[in-house]
Amino acid sequence: MEILEVILHTNADDECLRNVVNYPMSGREEEVKGYGVNPNNTDSALMQFKKAAEFWGNTDKNPIFHGVLSFTKTTAPTAERAMELTEQIYEPILEDHLAIIGSHEKGRGDSDYHTHAAISPTNYNNGSMMCADNSTLFPIAQRMADITGEKCRLVVKPEDKSKKEFHHIFYPHKKV
């Protein structure tokens, strides 16, 4: 089963933001790509995320969207395949949002490869915000199930560790 894990950082300070933006390109990655940002420099990428939010007046809103996509060994036997799948899954979001995605080789359940995506919630074309709620997360999880052809478990991890994680299973739609 594929896993889409979303880690909430709605009250993140600058150090947390730096860590989230840096993680996909921290030196442990097999591959890293930037979408509208420099994927080789944390300071530059972080500045680009902040400037997009500042331009649209979104500095007091959710500063970052952090997703971890874990694929089964069959679905993504290589880091390159994990990256290709992640790009397909996030394609509608990557059209209007700054992002850094890195693939890592590390066992997580039935997975050898997973990706980390740090995405700016600010749409750089119109300033609208992407929220980590059902209207955003459910379509991403369903897209993951449809693209991989495997069930996808959505796990939402709240900032407040005392709150319960949210879990939901998505099944691939049958192709007609």
N, C-alpha and C. Protein backbone atom coordinates (compact mmCIF):
# COMPACT_ATOMS: atom_id res chain seq x y z
N MET A 1 0.84 -1.18 0.00
CA MET A 1 0.00 0.00 0.00
C MET A 1 0.88 1.24 0.00
N GLU A 2 0.50 2.22 -0.83
CA GLU A 2 1.22 3.49 -0.89
C GLU A 2 0.81 4.33 0.33
N ILE A 3 1.68 5.24 0.73
CA ILE A 3 1.37 6.09 1.88
C ILE A 3 1.67 7.55 1.53
N LEU A 4 0.67 8.40 1.73
CA LEU A 4 0.84 9.85 1.65
C LEU A 4 0.76 10.36 3.07
N GLU A 5 1.87 10.86 3.56
CA GLU A 5 1.93 11.39 4.91
C GLU A 5 2.08 12.91 4.80
N VAL A 6 1.20 13.63 5.46
CA VAL A 6 1.26 15.08 5.47
C VAL A 6 1.57 15.52 6.89
N ILE A 7 2.64 16.28 7.03
CA ILE A 7 3.05 16.77 8.34
C ILE A 7 2.69 18.24 8.41
N LEU A 8 1.84 18.59 9.36
CA LEU A 8 1.37 19.96 9.47
C LEU A 8 2.41 20.84 10.18
N HIS A 9 2.62 22.02 9.63
CA HIS A 9 3.56 23.00 10.20
C HIS A 9 2.90 24.38 10.19
N THR A 10 1.65 24.47 10.60
CA THR A 10 0.92 25.74 10.49
C THR A 10 1.48 26.85 11.37
N ASN A 11 2.13 26.50 12.44
CA ASN A 11 2.70 27.52 13.33
C ASN A 11 4.23 27.51 13.29
N ALA A 12 4.78 27.13 12.17
CA ALA A 12 6.22 26.96 12.06
C ALA A 12 6.97 28.28 12.19
N ASP A 13 8.07 28.22 12.93
CA ASP A 13 8.97 29.37 13.00
C ASP A 13 10.01 29.24 11.89
N ASP A 14 10.92 30.20 11.80
CA ASP A 14 11.91 30.19 10.71
C ASP A 14 12.80 28.96 10.74
N GLU A 15 13.16 28.49 11.93
CA GLU A 15 14.02 27.30 12.01
C GLU A 15 13.30 26.06 11.47
N CYS A 16 12.03 25.92 11.80
CA CYS A 16 11.24 24.79 11.29
C CYS A 16 11.12 24.88 9.77
N LEU A 17 10.83 26.07 9.26
CA LEU A 17 10.73 26.26 7.81
C LEU A 17 12.03 25.88 7.11
N ARG A 18 13.13 26.31 7.68
CA ARG A 18 14.44 26.00 7.10
C ARG A 18 14.65 24.48 7.06
N ASN A 19 14.28 23.80 8.14
CA ASN A 19 14.44 22.34 8.19
C ASN A 19 13.57 21.64 7.15
N VAL A 20 12.33 22.08 7.00
CA VAL A 20 11.42 21.45 6.03
C VAL A 20 11.91 21.69 4.61
N VAL A 21 12.32 22.90 4.30
CA VAL A 21 12.81 23.22 2.95
C VAL A 21 14.13 22.49 2.68
N ASN A 22 14.97 22.37 3.68
CA ASN A 22 16.27 21.73 3.52
C ASN A 22 16.17 20.21 3.39
N TYR A 23 15.18 19.60 4.02
CA TYR A 23 15.14 18.14 4.10
C TYR A 23 15.21 17.43 2.74
N PRO A 24 14.45 17.87 1.72
CA PRO A 24 14.55 17.18 0.42
C PRO A 24 15.92 17.27 -0.22
N MET A 25 16.73 18.26 0.19
CA MET A 25 18.04 18.45 -0.44
C MET A 25 19.17 18.42 0.59
N SER A 26 19.01 17.61 1.62
CA SER A 26 19.94 17.62 2.75
C SER A 26 21.22 16.82 2.55
N GLY A 27 21.39 16.22 1.39
CA GLY A 27 22.60 15.44 1.14
C GLY A 27 22.34 13.94 1.17
N ARG A 28 21.20 13.53 1.68
CA ARG A 28 20.84 12.12 1.71
C ARG A 28 19.98 11.73 0.50
N GLU A 29 19.62 12.71 -0.31
CA GLU A 29 18.71 12.45 -1.41
C GLU A 29 19.41 11.75 -2.57
N GLU A 30 18.63 10.99 -3.30
CA GLU A 30 19.11 10.36 -4.52
C GLU A 30 18.96 11.34 -5.68
N GLU A 31 17.89 12.13 -5.61
CA GLU A 31 17.58 13.09 -6.66
C GLU A 31 16.79 14.23 -6.02
N VAL A 32 17.00 15.44 -6.50
CA VAL A 32 16.25 16.60 -6.00
C VAL A 32 15.90 17.50 -7.18
N LYS A 33 14.69 18.06 -7.13
CA LYS A 33 14.26 18.98 -8.18
C LYS A 33 13.56 20.17 -7.54
N GLY A 34 13.76 21.32 -8.16
CA GLY A 34 13.09 22.53 -7.72
C GLY A 34 12.07 22.96 -8.75
N TYR A 35 10.98 23.49 -8.29
CA TYR A 35 9.91 23.99 -9.16
C TYR A 35 9.72 25.46 -8.82
N GLY A 36 10.41 26.32 -9.59
CA GLY A 36 10.37 27.76 -9.35
C GLY A 36 11.33 28.22 -8.27
N VAL A 37 12.10 27.29 -7.69
CA VAL A 37 13.07 27.64 -6.65
C VAL A 37 14.39 26.94 -6.92
N ASN A 38 15.43 27.44 -6.28
CA ASN A 38 16.76 26.85 -6.39
C ASN A 38 16.82 25.59 -5.54
N PRO A 39 16.96 24.40 -6.14
CA PRO A 39 16.99 23.16 -5.36
C PRO A 39 18.35 22.84 -4.75
N ASN A 40 19.31 23.74 -4.91
CA ASN A 40 20.66 23.48 -4.42
C ASN A 40 21.09 24.39 -3.28
N ASN A 41 20.19 25.29 -2.86
CA ASN A 41 20.56 26.25 -1.83
C ASN A 41 19.36 26.51 -0.93
N THR A 42 19.44 26.03 0.30
CA THR A 42 18.33 26.18 1.24
C THR A 42 17.96 27.63 1.48
N ASP A 43 18.96 28.49 1.68
CA ASP A 43 18.68 29.90 1.97
C ASP A 43 17.94 30.57 0.81
N SER A 44 18.38 30.29 -0.40
CA SER A 44 17.74 30.86 -1.58
C SER A 44 16.30 30.35 -1.72
N ALA A 45 16.12 29.05 -1.57
CA ALA A 45 14.77 28.48 -1.69
C ALA A 45 13.85 29.02 -0.61
N LEU A 46 14.33 29.09 0.62
CA LEU A 46 13.52 29.61 1.72
C LEU A 46 13.13 31.07 1.46
N MET A 47 14.06 31.85 0.96
CA MET A 47 13.77 33.24 0.63
C MET A 47 12.70 33.32 -0.46
N GLN A 48 12.76 32.44 -1.45
CA GLN A 48 11.77 32.44 -2.52
C GLN A 48 10.38 32.07 -1.99
N PHE A 49 10.31 31.10 -1.09
CA PHE A 49 9.04 30.74 -0.46
C PHE A 49 8.47 31.94 0.30
N LYS A 50 9.33 32.59 1.09
CA LYS A 50 8.88 33.72 1.91
C LYS A 50 8.46 34.91 1.04
N LYS A 51 9.18 35.17 -0.03
CA LYS A 51 8.86 36.31 -0.90
C LYS A 51 7.53 36.12 -1.62
N ALA A 52 7.22 34.88 -2.02
CA ALA A 52 5.93 34.62 -2.66
C ALA A 52 4.80 34.90 -1.67
N ALA A 53 4.95 34.43 -0.43
CA ALA A 53 3.93 34.67 0.60
C ALA A 53 3.81 36.16 0.91
N GLU A 54 4.95 36.83 1.02
CA GLU A 54 4.97 38.27 1.31
C GLU A 54 4.30 39.07 0.20
N PHE A 55 4.60 38.75 -1.05
CA PHE A 55 4.03 39.48 -2.19
C PHE A 55 2.51 39.45 -2.16
N TRP A 56 1.94 38.29 -1.79
CA TRP A 56 0.49 38.13 -1.80
C TRP A 56 -0.15 38.37 -0.43
N GLY A 57 0.63 38.84 0.54
CA GLY A 57 0.07 39.13 1.86
C GLY A 57 -0.30 37.89 2.66
N ASN A 58 0.43 36.80 2.45
CA ASN A 58 0.12 35.54 3.13
C ASN A 58 1.13 35.18 4.21
N THR A 59 1.85 36.16 4.74
CA THR A 59 2.89 35.85 5.72
C THR A 59 2.33 35.39 7.05
N ASP A 60 1.07 35.66 7.33
CA ASP A 60 0.48 35.24 8.60
C ASP A 60 -0.33 33.96 8.46
N LYS A 61 -0.15 33.25 7.35
CA LYS A 61 -0.89 32.02 7.08
C LYS A 61 0.06 30.84 7.05
N ASN A 62 -0.47 29.65 6.84
CA ASN A 62 0.33 28.43 6.81
C ASN A 62 1.55 28.63 5.91
N PRO A 63 2.77 28.50 6.45
CA PRO A 63 3.96 28.82 5.68
C PRO A 63 4.47 27.72 4.75
N ILE A 64 4.05 26.45 4.98
CA ILE A 64 4.62 25.38 4.17
C ILE A 64 3.72 24.14 4.19
N PHE A 65 3.76 23.42 3.10
CA PHE A 65 3.03 22.16 2.96
C PHE A 65 4.10 21.09 2.85
N HIS A 66 4.09 20.10 3.74
CA HIS A 66 5.14 19.08 3.78
C HIS A 66 4.51 17.70 3.57
N GLY A 67 4.83 17.08 2.44
CA GLY A 67 4.30 15.76 2.13
C GLY A 67 5.41 14.74 1.99
N VAL A 68 5.16 13.53 2.48
CA VAL A 68 6.08 12.41 2.32
C VAL A 68 5.30 11.31 1.61
N LEU A 69 5.78 10.92 0.44
CA LEU A 69 5.11 9.88 -0.35
C LEU A 69 5.98 8.63 -0.34
N SER A 70 5.44 7.54 0.22
CA SER A 70 6.16 6.27 0.28
C SER A 70 5.49 5.30 -0.69
N PHE A 71 6.31 4.66 -1.50
CA PHE A 71 5.83 3.75 -2.53
C PHE A 71 6.29 2.33 -2.24
N THR A 72 5.47 1.35 -2.62
CA THR A 72 5.88 -0.04 -2.45
C THR A 72 7.08 -0.34 -3.35
N LYS A 73 7.76 -1.42 -3.03
CA LYS A 73 8.94 -1.81 -3.81
C LYS A 73 8.57 -2.13 -5.25
N THR A 74 7.36 -2.60 -5.48
CA THR A 74 6.90 -2.91 -6.83
C THR A 74 6.59 -1.64 -7.61
N THR A 75 5.94 -0.69 -6.96
CA THR A 75 5.53 0.55 -7.63
C THR A 75 6.73 1.42 -7.97
N ALA A 76 7.64 1.57 -7.03
CA ALA A 76 8.81 2.44 -7.24
C ALA A 76 10.07 1.68 -6.83
N PRO A 77 10.61 0.86 -7.74
CA PRO A 77 11.82 0.10 -7.42
C PRO A 77 13.10 0.94 -7.45
N THR A 78 12.99 2.20 -7.92
CA THR A 78 14.16 3.08 -7.99
C THR A 78 13.78 4.48 -7.49
N ALA A 79 14.80 5.25 -7.15
CA ALA A 79 14.58 6.64 -6.74
C ALA A 79 14.00 7.46 -7.89
N GLU A 80 14.44 7.17 -9.10
CA GLU A 80 13.95 7.89 -10.27
C GLU A 80 12.46 7.66 -10.47
N ARG A 81 12.04 6.41 -10.28
CA ARG A 81 10.61 6.10 -10.44
C ARG A 81 9.79 6.77 -9.34
N ALA A 82 10.31 6.80 -8.13
CA ALA A 82 9.61 7.49 -7.03
C ALA A 82 9.45 8.97 -7.37
N MET A 83 10.48 9.56 -7.95
CA MET A 83 10.40 10.99 -8.33
C MET A 83 9.39 11.19 -9.46
N GLU A 84 9.41 10.32 -10.46
CA GLU A 84 8.44 10.43 -11.57
C GLU A 84 7.00 10.36 -11.05
N LEU A 85 6.73 9.40 -10.18
CA LEU A 85 5.38 9.25 -9.63
C LEU A 85 4.99 10.47 -8.82
N THR A 86 5.91 10.98 -8.02
CA THR A 86 5.62 12.16 -7.20
C THR A 86 5.29 13.36 -8.08
N GLU A 87 6.06 13.54 -9.14
CA GLU A 87 5.77 14.65 -10.06
C GLU A 87 4.39 14.50 -10.68
N GLN A 88 4.01 13.29 -11.07
CA GLN A 88 2.68 13.06 -11.65
C GLN A 88 1.59 13.34 -10.63
N ILE A 89 1.79 12.90 -9.40
CA ILE A 89 0.79 13.08 -8.36
C ILE A 89 0.60 14.56 -8.03
N TYR A 90 1.68 15.29 -7.93
CA TYR A 90 1.60 16.72 -7.58
C TYR A 90 1.47 17.64 -8.79
N GLU A 91 1.41 17.10 -9.98
CA GLU A 91 1.41 17.92 -11.20
C GLU A 91 0.44 19.11 -11.15
N PRO A 92 -0.83 18.93 -10.78
CA PRO A 92 -1.73 20.09 -10.76
C PRO A 92 -1.28 21.19 -9.79
N ILE A 93 -0.63 20.81 -8.71
CA ILE A 93 -0.18 21.79 -7.71
C ILE A 93 1.10 22.48 -8.18
N LEU A 94 1.99 21.73 -8.82
CA LEU A 94 3.28 22.28 -9.25
C LEU A 94 3.14 23.34 -10.33
N GLU A 95 1.97 23.40 -10.98
CA GLU A 95 1.76 24.42 -12.01
C GLU A 95 1.73 25.83 -11.42
N ASP A 96 1.33 25.97 -10.13
CA ASP A 96 1.14 27.30 -9.54
C ASP A 96 1.78 27.49 -8.17
N HIS A 97 2.60 26.54 -7.75
CA HIS A 97 3.19 26.62 -6.41
C HIS A 97 4.68 26.31 -6.48
N LEU A 98 5.48 27.05 -5.72
CA LEU A 98 6.90 26.78 -5.60
C LEU A 98 7.08 25.48 -4.81
N ALA A 99 8.08 24.68 -5.18
CA ALA A 99 8.26 23.42 -4.48
C ALA A 99 9.68 22.89 -4.65
N ILE A 100 10.06 22.05 -3.70
CA ILE A 100 11.30 21.27 -3.78
C ILE A 100 10.90 19.83 -3.46
N ILE A 101 11.33 18.90 -4.30
CA ILE A 101 11.03 17.49 -4.08
C ILE A 101 12.34 16.71 -4.15
N GLY A 102 12.55 15.87 -3.15
CA GLY A 102 13.74 15.03 -3.13
C GLY A 102 13.35 13.58 -2.88
N SER A 103 14.04 12.66 -3.55
CA SER A 103 13.78 11.24 -3.33
C SER A 103 14.88 10.67 -2.44
N HIS A 104 14.47 9.81 -1.52
CA HIS A 104 15.39 9.20 -0.56
C HIS A 104 15.28 7.69 -0.61
N GLU A 105 16.40 7.03 -0.42
CA GLU A 105 16.39 5.58 -0.29
C GLU A 105 16.45 5.26 1.20
N LYS A 106 15.34 4.77 1.71
CA LYS A 106 15.27 4.39 3.12
C LYS A 106 14.02 3.55 3.30
N GLY A 107 14.19 2.40 3.88
CA GLY A 107 13.05 1.54 4.11
C GLY A 107 12.03 2.17 5.04
N ARG A 108 10.78 2.15 4.59
CA ARG A 108 9.64 2.62 5.39
C ARG A 108 8.53 1.63 5.12
N GLY A 109 8.37 0.64 5.97
CA GLY A 109 7.36 -0.39 5.73
C GLY A 109 7.74 -1.22 4.52
N ASP A 110 6.86 -1.26 3.51
CA ASP A 110 7.10 -2.02 2.29
C ASP A 110 7.75 -1.16 1.21
N SER A 111 8.42 -0.10 1.62
CA SER A 111 8.98 0.86 0.67
C SER A 111 10.49 0.94 0.81
N ASP A 112 11.18 0.99 -0.32
CA ASP A 112 12.61 1.29 -0.32
C ASP A 112 12.85 2.77 -0.61
N TYR A 113 11.93 3.38 -1.37
CA TYR A 113 12.09 4.77 -1.79
C TYR A 113 10.87 5.59 -1.40
N HIS A 114 11.15 6.80 -0.96
CA HIS A 114 10.08 7.74 -0.66
C HIS A 114 10.55 9.13 -1.08
N THR A 115 9.63 10.04 -1.17
CA THR A 115 9.98 11.42 -1.53
C THR A 115 9.46 12.37 -0.46
N HIS A 116 10.17 13.48 -0.34
CA HIS A 116 9.74 14.58 0.52
C HIS A 116 9.45 15.76 -0.39
N ALA A 117 8.30 16.37 -0.19
CA ALA A 117 7.93 17.55 -0.96
C ALA A 117 7.69 18.71 -0.01
N ALA A 118 8.41 19.78 -0.20
CA ALA A 118 8.19 21.04 0.52
C ALA A 118 7.54 21.97 -0.50
N ILE A 119 6.29 22.32 -0.26
CA ILE A 119 5.52 23.10 -1.23
C ILE A 119 5.01 24.38 -0.58
N SER A 120 5.15 25.49 -1.30
CA SER A 120 4.59 26.75 -0.83
C SER A 120 3.09 26.70 -0.98
N PRO A 121 2.34 26.96 0.09
CA PRO A 121 0.87 26.95 -0.02
C PRO A 121 0.33 28.14 -0.83
N THR A 122 1.17 29.16 -1.04
CA THR A 122 0.74 30.34 -1.80
C THR A 122 0.81 30.09 -3.29
N ASN A 123 -0.31 30.22 -3.97
CA ASN A 123 -0.35 30.15 -5.43
C ASN A 123 0.33 31.42 -5.94
N TYR A 124 1.46 31.28 -6.64
CA TYR A 124 2.21 32.46 -7.04
C TYR A 124 1.55 33.24 -8.19
N ASN A 125 0.53 32.68 -8.82
CA ASN A 125 -0.17 33.40 -9.89
C ASN A 125 -1.31 34.27 -9.39
N ASN A 126 -1.99 33.84 -8.31
CA ASN A 126 -3.14 34.63 -7.85
C ASN A 126 -3.20 34.85 -6.35
N GLY A 127 -2.26 34.31 -5.58
CA GLY A 127 -2.20 34.53 -4.14
C GLY A 127 -3.11 33.64 -3.32
N SER A 128 -3.92 32.80 -3.96
CA SER A 128 -4.80 31.92 -3.19
C SER A 128 -3.95 30.93 -2.39
N MET A 129 -4.54 30.41 -1.32
CA MET A 129 -3.82 29.51 -0.43
C MET A 129 -4.30 28.07 -0.57
N MET A 130 -3.35 27.15 -0.57
CA MET A 130 -3.63 25.73 -0.52
C MET A 130 -3.64 25.36 0.96
N CYS A 131 -4.73 24.78 1.41
CA CYS A 131 -4.86 24.40 2.82
C CYS A 131 -4.68 22.90 2.98
N ALA A 132 -4.14 22.51 4.12
CA ALA A 132 -3.96 21.09 4.41
C ALA A 132 -5.25 20.55 5.03
N ASP A 133 -6.31 20.58 4.22
CA ASP A 133 -7.60 20.08 4.67
C ASP A 133 -8.11 19.06 3.66
N ASN A 134 -9.30 18.54 3.89
CA ASN A 134 -9.84 17.48 3.02
C ASN A 134 -9.95 17.91 1.57
N SER A 135 -10.22 19.19 1.31
CA SER A 135 -10.40 19.64 -0.08
C SER A 135 -9.08 19.57 -0.86
N THR A 136 -7.97 19.59 -0.18
CA THR A 136 -6.65 19.47 -0.82
C THR A 136 -6.10 18.06 -0.69
N LEU A 137 -6.14 17.51 0.52
CA LEU A 137 -5.47 16.23 0.78
C LEU A 137 -6.16 15.04 0.15
N PHE A 138 -7.50 15.02 0.16
CA PHE A 138 -8.21 13.89 -0.42
C PHE A 138 -7.93 13.74 -1.91
N PRO A 139 -7.98 14.83 -2.70
CA PRO A 139 -7.66 14.66 -4.13
C PRO A 139 -6.21 14.20 -4.39
N ILE A 140 -5.27 14.65 -3.55
CA ILE A 140 -3.88 14.21 -3.73
C ILE A 140 -3.78 12.71 -3.45
N ALA A 141 -4.39 12.26 -2.36
CA ALA A 141 -4.35 10.84 -2.01
C ALA A 141 -5.06 10.00 -3.08
N GLN A 142 -6.20 10.49 -3.59
CA GLN A 142 -6.90 9.76 -4.63
C GLN A 142 -6.07 9.70 -5.90
N ARG A 143 -5.39 10.78 -6.22
CA ARG A 143 -4.52 10.82 -7.39
C ARG A 143 -3.38 9.82 -7.24
N MET A 144 -2.84 9.72 -6.02
CA MET A 144 -1.77 8.76 -5.76
C MET A 144 -2.27 7.34 -6.00
N ALA A 145 -3.47 7.03 -5.52
CA ALA A 145 -4.05 5.70 -5.73
C ALA A 145 -4.29 5.44 -7.21
N ASP A 146 -4.83 6.43 -7.91
CA ASP A 146 -5.15 6.26 -9.33
C ASP A 146 -3.88 6.11 -10.18
N ILE A 147 -2.86 6.90 -9.91
CA ILE A 147 -1.64 6.87 -10.71
C ILE A 147 -0.85 5.59 -10.47
N THR A 148 -0.78 5.15 -9.22
CA THR A 148 -0.01 3.94 -8.91
C THR A 148 -0.83 2.67 -9.12
N GLY A 149 -2.16 2.79 -9.12
CA GLY A 149 -3.02 1.62 -9.22
C GLY A 149 -3.07 0.81 -7.94
N GLU A 150 -2.59 1.39 -6.85
CA GLU A 150 -2.55 0.73 -5.54
C GLU A 150 -3.35 1.53 -4.52
N LYS A 151 -3.78 0.86 -3.46
CA LYS A 151 -4.43 1.58 -2.37
C LYS A 151 -3.45 2.59 -1.78
N CYS A 152 -3.99 3.68 -1.28
CA CYS A 152 -3.17 4.73 -0.68
C CYS A 152 -3.72 5.06 0.70
N ARG A 153 -2.85 5.04 1.68
CA ARG A 153 -3.24 5.46 3.03
C ARG A 153 -2.79 6.90 3.23
N LEU A 154 -3.73 7.76 3.56
CA LEU A 154 -3.44 9.15 3.89
C LEU A 154 -3.26 9.23 5.41
N VAL A 155 -2.13 9.78 5.83
CA VAL A 155 -1.83 9.99 7.24
C VAL A 155 -1.54 11.47 7.43
N VAL A 156 -2.31 12.12 8.30
CA VAL A 156 -2.07 13.53 8.59
C VAL A 156 -1.57 13.62 10.02
N LYS A 157 -0.36 14.17 10.15
CA LYS A 157 0.27 14.30 11.46
C LYS A 157 0.14 15.75 11.94
N PRO A 158 -0.60 15.97 13.01
CA PRO A 158 -0.76 17.34 13.52
C PRO A 158 0.49 17.82 14.23
N GLU A 159 0.62 19.15 14.31
CA GLU A 159 1.75 19.73 15.03
C GLU A 159 1.71 19.36 16.51
N ASP A 160 0.51 19.43 17.05
CA ASP A 160 0.30 19.12 18.46
C ASP A 160 0.35 17.60 18.62
N LYS A 161 1.45 17.10 19.16
CA LYS A 161 1.66 15.65 19.28
C LYS A 161 0.61 14.98 20.16
N SER A 162 -0.11 15.76 20.96
CA SER A 162 -1.12 15.16 21.82
C SER A 162 -2.40 14.84 21.04
N LYS A 163 -2.54 15.42 19.85
CA LYS A 163 -3.71 15.14 19.02
C LYS A 163 -3.49 13.88 18.20
N LYS A 164 -4.56 13.21 17.90
CA LYS A 164 -4.50 11.95 17.16
C LYS A 164 -4.23 12.19 15.67
N GLU A 165 -3.44 11.30 15.08
CA GLU A 165 -3.21 11.34 13.64
C GLU A 165 -4.49 10.92 12.93
N PHE A 166 -4.68 11.45 11.74
CA PHE A 166 -5.82 11.10 10.89
C PHE A 166 -5.36 10.06 9.88
N HIS A 167 -6.13 9.00 9.70
CA HIS A 167 -5.82 7.95 8.72
C HIS A 167 -7.05 7.70 7.86
N HIS A 168 -6.84 7.54 6.56
CA HIS A 168 -7.94 7.21 5.65
C HIS A 168 -7.35 6.44 4.46
N ILE A 169 -8.08 5.45 3.95
CA ILE A 169 -7.63 4.64 2.82
C ILE A 169 -8.36 5.07 1.55
N PHE A 170 -7.60 5.21 0.46
CA PHE A 170 -8.15 5.55 -0.85
C PHE A 170 -7.88 4.38 -1.79
N TYR A 171 -8.86 4.05 -2.60
CA TYR A 171 -8.75 2.94 -3.55
C TYR A 171 -8.67 3.51 -4.96
N PRO A 172 -7.87 2.88 -5.82
CA PRO A 172 -7.78 3.39 -7.19
C PRO A 172 -9.13 3.25 -7.91
N HIS A 173 -9.44 4.26 -8.71
CA HIS A 173 -10.63 4.19 -9.54
C HIS A 173 -10.37 3.22 -10.69
N LYS A 174 -11.35 2.49 -11.06
CA LYS A 174 -11.19 1.58 -12.20
C LYS A 174 -11.10 2.39 -13.48
N LYS A 175 -10.17 2.02 -14.32
CA LYS A 175 -10.01 2.71 -15.60
C LYS A 175 -11.02 2.15 -16.58
N VAL A 176 -11.67 3.07 -17.28
CA VAL A 176 -12.71 2.67 -18.24
C VAL A 176 -12.14 2.50 -19.62
